[in-house]
C-alpha atoms as a PDB file:
ATOM      1  CA  UNK A   1      11.336  -3.823 -25.612  1.00  0.00           C
ATOM      2  CA  UNK A   2      11.883  -4.845 -21.792  1.00  0.00           C
ATOM      3  CA  UNK A   3      11.870  -8.678 -20.151  1.00  0.00           C
ATOM      4  CA  UNK A   4       9.514  -9.354 -17.103  1.00  0.00           C
ATOM      5  CA  UNK A   5      13.196  -9.887 -14.583  1.00  0.00           C
ATOM      6  CA  UNK A   6      14.028  -5.762 -15.965  1.00  0.00           C
ATOM      7  CA  UNK A   7      10.403  -4.439 -14.375  1.00  0.00           C
ATOM      8  CA  UNK A   8      10.813  -4.195 -10.290  1.00  0.00           C
ATOM      9  CA  UNK A   9       8.801  -7.708  -8.469  1.00  0.00           C
ATOM     10  CA  UNK A  10       6.009  -5.106  -6.662  1.00  0.00           C
ATOM     11  CA  UNK A  11       4.768  -3.781  -9.296  1.00  0.00           C
ATOM     12  CA  UNK A  12       3.861  -6.636 -11.542  1.00  0.00           C
ATOM     13  CA  UNK A  13       3.142  -8.196  -8.700  1.00  0.00           C
ATOM     14  CA  UNK A  14       0.337  -5.453  -7.698  1.00  0.00           C
ATOM     15  CA  UNK A  15       0.301  -5.641 -11.778  1.00  0.00           C
ATOM     16  CA  UNK A  16      -0.680  -9.242 -11.473  1.00  0.00           C
ATOM     17  CA  UNK A  17      -3.132  -8.793  -8.865  1.00  0.00           C
ATOM     18  CA  UNK A  18      -5.429  -6.242 -10.680  1.00  0.00           C
ATOM     19  CA  UNK A  19      -5.390  -8.105 -13.504  1.00  0.00           C
ATOM     20  CA  UNK A  20      -6.339 -11.321 -11.514  1.00  0.00           C
ATOM     21  CA  UNK A  21      -9.196  -8.989  -9.990  1.00  0.00           C
ATOM     22  CA  UNK A  22     -10.654  -8.752 -12.694  1.00  0.00           C
ATOM     23  CA  UNK A  23     -11.255 -11.777 -13.909  1.00  0.00           C
ATOM     24  CA  UNK A  24     -14.601 -12.623 -12.954  1.00  0.00           C
ATOM     25  CA  UNK A  25     -15.349  -9.020 -15.016  1.00  0.00           C
ATOM     26  CA  UNK A  26     -14.196 -10.349 -18.547  1.00  0.00           C
ATOM     27  CA  UNK A  27     -13.510 -14.009 -18.792  1.00  0.00           C
ATOM     28  CA  UNK A  28     -10.597 -12.949 -21.712  1.00  0.00           C
ATOM     29  CA  UNK A  29      -8.567 -11.934 -19.161  1.00  0.00           C
ATOM     30  CA  UNK A  30      -7.770 -15.442 -18.174  1.00  0.00           C
ATOM     31  CA  UNK A  31      -7.036 -17.146 -21.419  1.00  0.00           C
ATOM     32  CA  UNK A  32      -4.211 -13.862 -22.443  1.00  0.00           C
ATOM     33  CA  UNK A  33      -0.600 -15.051 -22.604  1.00  0.00           C
ATOM     34  CA  UNK A  34       0.051 -11.994 -21.146  1.00  0.00           C
ATOM     35  CA  UNK A  35      -0.753 -13.199 -17.676  1.00  0.00           C
ATOM     36  CA  UNK A  36       0.043 -16.747 -18.297  1.00  0.00           C
ATOM     37  CA  UNK A  37       3.900 -15.276 -18.876  1.00  0.00           C
ATOM     38  CA  UNK A  38       3.459 -12.711 -15.596  1.00  0.00           C
ATOM     39  CA  UNK A  39       1.716 -15.386 -13.730  1.00  0.00           C
ATOM     40  CA  UNK A  40       4.482 -18.389 -14.735  1.00  0.00           C
ATOM     41  CA  UNK A  41       6.832 -15.631 -13.758  1.00  0.00           C
ATOM     42  CA  UNK A  42       5.815 -14.668 -10.644  1.00  0.00           C
ATOM     43  CA  UNK A  43       5.163 -18.758  -9.560  1.00  0.00           C
ATOM     44  CA  UNK A  44       9.137 -18.688 -10.599  1.00  0.00           C
ATOM     45  CA  UNK A  45      10.189 -15.821  -8.238  1.00  0.00           C
ATOM     46  CA  UNK A  46       7.838 -16.800  -5.549  1.00  0.00           C
ATOM     47  CA  UNK A  47       9.485 -21.030  -5.487  1.00  0.00           C
ATOM     48  CA  UNK A  48      12.596 -19.416  -5.042  1.00  0.00           C
ATOM     49  CA  UNK A  49      11.630 -16.975  -2.659  1.00  0.00           C
ATOM     50  CA  UNK A  50      10.628 -20.419  -1.186  1.00  0.00           C
ATOM     51  CA  UNK A  51       6.597 -19.907  -1.273  1.00  0.00           C
ATOM     52  CA  UNK A  52       4.972 -23.119  -1.846  1.00  0.00           C
ATOM     53  CA  UNK A  53       3.008 -21.584  -4.883  1.00  0.00           C
ATOM     54  CA  UNK A  54       0.609 -24.783  -4.636  1.00  0.00           C
ATOM     55  CA  UNK A  55      -0.654 -23.678  -0.991  1.00  0.00           C
ATOM     56  CA  UNK A  56      -2.568 -21.128  -1.654  1.00  0.00           C
ATOM     57  CA  UNK A  57      -2.645 -19.159   1.288  1.00  0.00           C
ATOM     58  CA  UNK A  58       1.768 -19.264   1.136  1.00  0.00           C
ATOM     59  CA  UNK A  59       0.951 -17.581  -2.583  1.00  0.00           C
ATOM     60  CA  UNK A  60      -0.865 -15.051  -1.916  1.00  0.00           C
ATOM     61  CA  UNK A  61       0.410 -14.635   1.337  1.00  0.00           C
ATOM     62  CA  UNK A  62       3.954 -13.572  -0.633  1.00  0.00           C
ATOM     63  CA  UNK A  63       2.011 -11.827  -3.768  1.00  0.00           C
ATOM     64  CA  UNK A  64       0.570  -9.338  -1.337  1.00  0.00           C
ATOM     65  CA  UNK A  65       4.395  -9.345   0.497  1.00  0.00           C
ATOM     66  CA  UNK A  66       2.785 -10.801   3.690  1.00  0.00           C
ATOM     67  CA  UNK A  67      -0.755  -8.251   3.889  1.00  0.00           C
ATOM     68  CA  UNK A  68      -4.140  -9.543   4.779  1.00  0.00           C
ATOM     69  CA  UNK A  69      -5.272 -10.783   1.267  1.00  0.00           C
ATOM     70  CA  UNK A  70      -8.563  -7.997  -0.209  1.00  0.00           C
ATOM     71  CA  UNK A  71      -9.989 -10.807  -2.473  1.00  0.00           C
ATOM     72  CA  UNK A  72      -8.874 -14.077  -3.301  1.00  0.00           C
ATOM     73  CA  UNK A  73      -6.312 -15.432  -5.374  1.00  0.00           C
ATOM     74  CA  UNK A  74      -6.759 -18.867  -6.588  1.00  0.00           C
END
């Protein structure tokens, strides 16, 4: 099995955005170990890119590669 760092970052971001977008419909995702690990990994990558992940706007912009955010990420 691959480690997260062996996948394309753009794919990981897309998967995270998709899962996060489903939280309202599936609250159990909030406790998912996979979602937590993915978020932790992505936040470390964002931080390495100079993003302050505690600032929602910066985190959301990074996740969307600077494109407008369709659905809020918090």
